[in-house]
């Protein structure tokens, strides 16, 4: 018998925002306020539940800020729902966001988990801009994020690599989304960890012992989007002049605004220095 991992039941939950939010709430995981919207008739009650402003997100196939709209009134919510073709949506209330963090982990068929360090993520227009590792949060909050991510994977009986994204609001963690795959916020592992997330995926799915997820150096990962591709593309020499900067290009033929074309990792024993250099290099390209 051939077993496919991750299992269909877990993927069915996390590939649909409505199912995912309901599953998280049913299993006691804290989230931002949300309401399910299946028709225009649901919007009044949904807005009353979440308050305004709020984000209306399609349940399926939305990513990197696509398939979502900020709404402040019933009329705006109705217009957005119609723009999305009347497909099922989730309405999410806003929280006083302090920062966003994520945990990438691997879980094998025997239930063993290997968790990577907590990443602190900054977004621009709904797309991940950069990840700072280790996240600049208290140790207790980092431990809670890792414990929660492990609990999510265990409740789903998940096998493979997955990411759990969190909001930090009022010093509390709220699960934002679950990604059933190696994740953009885990690309730092390619250069900064003993085992990267892609090798970990192969190990988990092939029944091999999970690799060591230990962090070897503080790191900042910066996404390279198609917006930066002009005549001739970015000047890679700006990055390659620094020995501790690692460039990864994905070989995509066409650059488009918002399309992820690659990333680079900046490693430094001083996390503040890594962030300062990463931001300077990003702005210089």
Protein backbone atom coordinates (compact mmCIF):
# COMPACT_ATOMS: atom_id res chain seq x y z
CA UNK A 1 0.00 0.00 0.00
CA UNK A 2 1.24 3.48 -0.89
CA UNK A 3 0.53 6.28 1.55
CA UNK A 4 0.45 9.84 0.25
CA UNK A 5 1.66 12.56 2.57
CA UNK A 6 0.51 15.00 3.73
CA UNK A 7 -2.85 13.29 4.11
CA UNK A 8 -5.89 14.41 2.13
CA UNK A 9 -7.89 15.20 5.28
CA UNK A 10 -5.26 17.67 6.53
CA UNK A 11 -4.86 19.33 3.13
CA UNK A 12 -8.65 19.65 2.74
CA UNK A 13 -8.75 21.68 5.95
CA UNK A 14 -5.83 24.02 5.32
CA UNK A 15 -6.43 24.73 1.62
CA UNK A 16 -9.78 26.37 2.40
CA UNK A 17 -9.83 29.41 4.71
CA UNK A 18 -13.39 28.75 5.88
CA UNK A 19 -12.56 25.18 6.88
CA UNK A 20 -9.25 26.24 8.39
CA UNK A 21 -10.67 29.01 10.57
CA UNK A 22 -13.51 26.81 11.77
CA UNK A 23 -11.10 23.95 12.53
CA UNK A 24 -8.79 26.27 14.49
CA UNK A 25 -11.67 27.62 16.56
CA UNK A 26 -13.12 24.15 17.16
CA UNK A 27 -9.73 22.93 18.38
CA UNK A 28 -9.16 25.81 20.78
CA UNK A 29 -6.53 27.77 18.87
CA UNK A 30 -6.79 31.54 19.24
CA UNK A 31 -7.46 33.54 16.07
CA UNK A 32 -8.46 37.06 15.16
CA UNK A 33 -12.27 37.59 15.08
CA UNK A 34 -13.76 36.05 11.96
CA UNK A 35 -17.07 35.17 10.34
CA UNK A 36 -17.94 32.94 7.39
CA UNK A 37 -19.65 34.50 4.39
CA UNK A 38 -21.42 32.25 1.90
CA UNK A 39 -23.87 34.81 0.49
CA UNK A 40 -24.60 38.53 0.56
CA UNK A 41 -27.21 37.78 3.20
CA UNK A 42 -24.42 36.78 5.60
CA UNK A 43 -22.62 40.13 5.42
CA UNK A 44 -24.66 42.09 7.98
CA UNK A 45 -24.19 39.53 10.75
CA UNK A 46 -20.56 38.94 9.75
CA UNK A 47 -19.71 42.64 10.02
CA UNK A 48 -21.44 42.79 13.40
CA UNK A 49 -19.27 39.88 14.59
CA UNK A 50 -15.92 41.21 13.35
CA UNK A 51 -16.43 44.95 13.54
CA UNK A 52 -14.92 47.31 11.00
CA UNK A 53 -12.59 47.78 9.33
CA UNK A 54 -12.22 44.15 8.30
CA UNK A 55 -10.67 42.04 5.56
CA UNK A 56 -12.84 40.00 3.22
CA UNK A 57 -10.84 37.05 1.87
CA UNK A 58 -11.83 34.36 -0.62
CA UNK A 59 -11.82 30.92 0.97
CA UNK A 60 -9.74 29.30 -1.74
CA UNK A 61 -6.82 30.21 -3.99
CA UNK A 62 -5.98 33.54 -2.35
CA UNK A 63 -2.31 34.27 -1.60
CA UNK A 64 0.18 37.15 -1.38
CA UNK A 65 -2.62 39.65 -0.86
CA UNK A 66 -4.64 38.41 -3.81
CA UNK A 67 -8.33 37.64 -3.32
CA UNK A 68 -8.79 39.98 -0.39
CA UNK A 69 -10.19 43.46 0.18
CA UNK A 70 -10.30 45.85 3.11
CA UNK A 71 -13.88 46.86 3.87
CA UNK A 72 -15.32 49.44 6.24
CA UNK A 73 -19.01 49.43 5.40
CA UNK A 74 -21.71 47.04 4.29
CA UNK A 75 -21.63 48.61 0.81
CA UNK A 76 -17.87 48.03 0.50
CA UNK A 77 -18.24 44.45 1.73
CA UNK A 78 -21.02 43.76 -0.75
CA UNK A 79 -19.03 45.26 -3.62
CA UNK A 80 -15.99 43.17 -2.72
CA UNK A 81 -18.06 40.00 -2.38
CA UNK A 82 -19.53 40.60 -5.83
CA UNK A 83 -16.07 41.33 -7.23
CA UNK A 84 -14.97 37.93 -5.92
CA UNK A 85 -17.81 36.32 -7.87
CA UNK A 86 -19.94 35.52 -4.84
CA UNK A 87 -17.66 32.66 -3.83
CA UNK A 88 -17.37 31.65 -0.16
CA UNK A 89 -15.29 34.08 1.88
CA UNK A 90 -13.98 34.69 5.36
CA UNK A 91 -14.40 38.10 6.97
CA UNK A 92 -11.57 38.79 9.40
CA UNK A 93 -11.58 41.56 11.99
CA UNK A 94 -8.52 43.73 12.51
CA UNK A 95 -6.36 43.43 15.61
CA UNK A 96 -3.77 45.82 17.05
CA UNK A 97 -0.88 44.08 15.34
CA UNK A 98 2.52 44.26 17.03
CA UNK A 99 4.29 41.93 14.64
CA UNK A 100 3.84 38.75 12.61
CA UNK A 101 5.82 35.57 13.21
CA UNK A 102 5.87 32.08 11.79
CA UNK A 103 7.14 28.63 12.63
CA UNK A 104 8.20 26.14 9.96
CA UNK A 105 8.33 22.55 11.12
CA UNK A 106 8.59 19.01 9.85
CA UNK A 107 6.64 16.06 11.21
CA UNK A 108 7.27 12.45 10.26
CA UNK A 109 5.01 9.44 10.06
CA UNK A 110 5.94 8.40 13.59
CA UNK A 111 4.82 11.76 15.00
CA UNK A 112 8.29 13.16 15.60
CA UNK A 113 8.58 16.91 15.04
CA UNK A 114 11.57 19.06 14.16
CA UNK A 115 10.89 22.77 14.56
CA UNK A 116 12.89 25.55 12.98
CA UNK A 117 13.46 28.82 14.89
CA UNK A 118 10.69 31.40 14.98
CA UNK A 119 10.85 33.93 12.13
CA UNK A 120 9.62 37.52 12.38
CA UNK A 121 8.00 38.55 9.12
CA UNK A 122 7.41 41.95 7.52
CA UNK A 123 4.96 42.28 4.66
CA UNK A 124 4.48 44.91 1.96
CA UNK A 125 1.13 44.98 0.14
CA UNK A 126 0.33 41.51 1.46
CA UNK A 127 3.59 39.99 0.17
CA UNK A 128 6.41 38.89 2.45
CA UNK A 129 9.21 41.47 2.26
CA UNK A 130 11.71 40.08 4.74
CA UNK A 131 12.09 37.58 7.58
CA UNK A 132 14.24 38.16 10.67
CA UNK A 133 15.56 35.07 12.49
CA UNK A 134 15.52 34.67 15.39
CA UNK A 135 12.35 36.69 15.83
CA UNK A 136 12.64 39.67 18.16
CA UNK A 137 10.12 38.40 20.68
CA UNK A 138 10.41 37.23 24.30
CA UNK A 139 11.65 33.67 24.75
CA UNK A 140 8.33 32.73 26.35
CA UNK A 141 6.39 33.90 23.29
CA UNK A 142 8.78 32.09 20.93
CA UNK A 143 8.33 28.89 22.94
CA UNK A 144 4.55 29.31 22.83
CA UNK A 145 4.66 29.77 19.05
CA UNK A 146 6.67 26.59 18.61
CA UNK A 147 4.43 24.63 21.00
CA UNK A 148 1.31 25.86 19.20
CA UNK A 149 2.73 25.00 15.78
CA UNK A 150 3.58 21.51 17.00
CA UNK A 151 0.07 21.11 18.43
CA UNK A 152 -1.49 22.17 15.10
CA UNK A 153 0.58 19.59 13.22
CA UNK A 154 -0.28 16.88 15.72
CA UNK A 155 -4.03 17.60 15.66
CA UNK A 156 -3.95 17.46 11.85
CA UNK A 157 -1.89 14.23 11.90
CA UNK A 158 0.24 16.10 9.39
CA UNK A 159 3.26 14.49 7.72
CA UNK A 160 5.73 16.72 5.89
CA UNK A 161 6.88 20.33 6.17
CA UNK A 162 4.36 22.98 7.10
CA UNK A 163 4.32 26.59 8.33
CA UNK A 164 2.07 28.16 10.92
CA UNK A 165 1.74 31.95 10.70
CA UNK A 166 0.83 34.02 13.76
CA UNK A 167 -0.24 37.53 14.66
CA UNK A 168 1.17 38.99 17.86
CA UNK A 169 -1.37 41.39 19.35
CA UNK A 170 -1.47 42.63 22.92
CA UNK A 171 1.36 40.26 23.75
CA UNK A 172 -0.81 37.30 22.67
CA UNK A 173 -0.42 34.86 19.81
CA UNK A 174 -3.20 34.31 17.29
CA UNK A 175 -2.97 31.76 14.50
CA UNK A 176 -3.36 33.52 11.16
CA UNK A 177 -2.85 30.80 8.54
CA UNK A 178 -1.46 27.32 8.03
CA UNK A 179 0.61 26.56 4.94
CA UNK A 180 0.87 22.84 4.08
CA UNK A 181 4.28 23.04 2.37
CA UNK A 182 7.76 24.52 2.60
CA UNK A 183 7.17 28.22 3.08
CA UNK A 184 8.57 31.55 1.91
CA UNK A 185 9.35 32.50 5.53
CA UNK A 186 11.47 29.34 5.77
CA UNK A 187 13.83 30.19 2.90
CA UNK A 188 16.39 31.40 5.42
CA UNK A 189 17.00 27.75 6.32
CA UNK A 190 18.85 27.20 3.02
CA UNK A 191 21.92 28.98 4.41
CA UNK A 192 21.39 29.44 8.15
CA UNK A 193 20.38 25.99 9.45
CA UNK A 194 22.01 22.57 9.63
CA UNK A 195 19.11 21.18 7.56
CA UNK A 196 17.02 23.31 5.23
CA UNK A 197 13.24 23.02 4.86
CA UNK A 198 13.45 21.36 1.43
CA UNK A 199 15.75 18.57 2.58
CA UNK A 200 13.48 18.20 5.59
CA UNK A 201 10.48 17.71 3.28
CA UNK A 202 12.29 14.90 1.44
CA UNK A 203 13.29 13.28 4.71
CA UNK A 204 9.77 13.43 6.15
CA UNK A 205 8.08 12.05 3.04
CA UNK A 206 10.68 9.33 2.42
CA UNK A 207 10.63 7.96 5.96
CA UNK A 208 14.17 9.14 6.73
CA UNK A 209 15.16 10.56 10.13
CA UNK A 210 14.39 14.25 10.33
CA UNK A 211 17.42 16.50 10.03
CA UNK A 212 18.77 18.87 12.65
CA UNK A 213 16.87 22.20 12.35
CA UNK A 214 19.38 24.09 14.50
CA UNK A 215 20.15 27.71 13.58
CA UNK A 216 23.84 28.24 12.77
CA UNK A 217 23.72 32.02 12.48
CA UNK A 218 21.24 34.86 12.83
CA UNK A 219 19.88 35.67 9.39
CA UNK A 220 17.62 38.05 7.48
CA UNK A 221 15.89 36.78 4.32
CA UNK A 222 14.78 39.33 1.70
CA UNK A 223 12.37 38.51 -1.12
CA UNK A 224 13.25 39.67 -4.63
CA UNK A 225 10.10 40.63 -6.51
CA UNK A 226 9.60 41.29 -10.18
CA UNK A 227 9.05 44.97 -9.38
CA UNK A 228 12.83 45.35 -9.16
CA UNK A 229 13.47 43.99 -12.65
CA UNK A 230 14.07 46.94 -14.96
CA UNK A 231 16.35 47.18 -17.97
CA UNK A 232 18.86 44.40 -17.43
CA UNK A 233 17.52 43.46 -14.03
CA UNK A 234 19.03 44.16 -10.61
CA UNK A 235 22.76 44.67 -10.17
CA UNK A 236 23.75 41.40 -8.52
CA UNK A 237 27.28 42.63 -7.87
CA UNK A 238 25.80 44.78 -5.11
CA UNK A 239 24.89 41.59 -3.27
CA UNK A 240 27.79 39.40 -4.30
CA UNK A 241 30.31 41.92 -2.98
CA UNK A 242 29.40 40.69 0.52
CA UNK A 243 30.77 37.22 1.40
CA UNK A 244 28.02 36.51 3.96
CA UNK A 245 25.17 37.33 1.56
CA UNK A 246 23.71 34.33 -0.26
CA UNK A 247 21.70 34.92 -3.44
CA UNK A 248 19.07 32.46 -4.71
CA UNK A 249 17.38 33.02 -8.09
CA UNK A 250 14.47 30.84 -9.16
CA UNK A 251 15.08 30.83 -12.91
CA UNK A 252 11.68 32.27 -13.81
CA UNK A 253 11.61 33.57 -17.36
CA UNK A 254 9.23 36.49 -16.95
CA UNK A 255 9.30 39.15 -14.22
CA UNK A 256 6.01 40.69 -13.12
CA UNK A 257 5.21 43.11 -10.29
CA UNK A 258 4.68 41.11 -7.11
CA UNK A 259 6.11 37.89 -8.57
CA UNK A 260 8.76 36.22 -6.41
CA UNK A 261 11.87 35.90 -8.56
CA UNK A 262 14.34 34.93 -5.85
CA UNK A 263 15.63 35.89 -2.44
CA UNK A 264 18.85 36.58 -0.60
CA UNK A 265 19.96 35.71 2.90
CA UNK A 266 22.20 37.93 5.02
CA UNK A 267 24.07 36.10 7.79
CA UNK A 268 25.76 37.86 10.69
CA UNK A 269 26.45 36.96 14.30
CA UNK A 270 24.94 40.34 15.17
CA UNK A 271 21.20 40.20 14.27
CA UNK A 272 20.92 44.00 14.18
CA UNK A 273 23.83 44.22 11.74
CA UNK A 274 22.23 41.56 9.53
CA UNK A 275 18.99 43.52 9.39
CA UNK A 276 20.74 46.82 8.69
CA UNK A 277 22.72 45.32 5.79
CA UNK A 278 19.71 43.48 4.40
CA UNK A 279 17.63 46.64 4.29
CA UNK A 280 20.46 48.64 2.72
CA UNK A 281 21.06 46.01 0.03
CA UNK A 282 17.34 45.67 -0.70
CA UNK A 283 17.01 49.40 -1.23
CA UNK A 284 20.19 49.56 -3.37
CA UNK A 285 19.08 46.99 -5.97
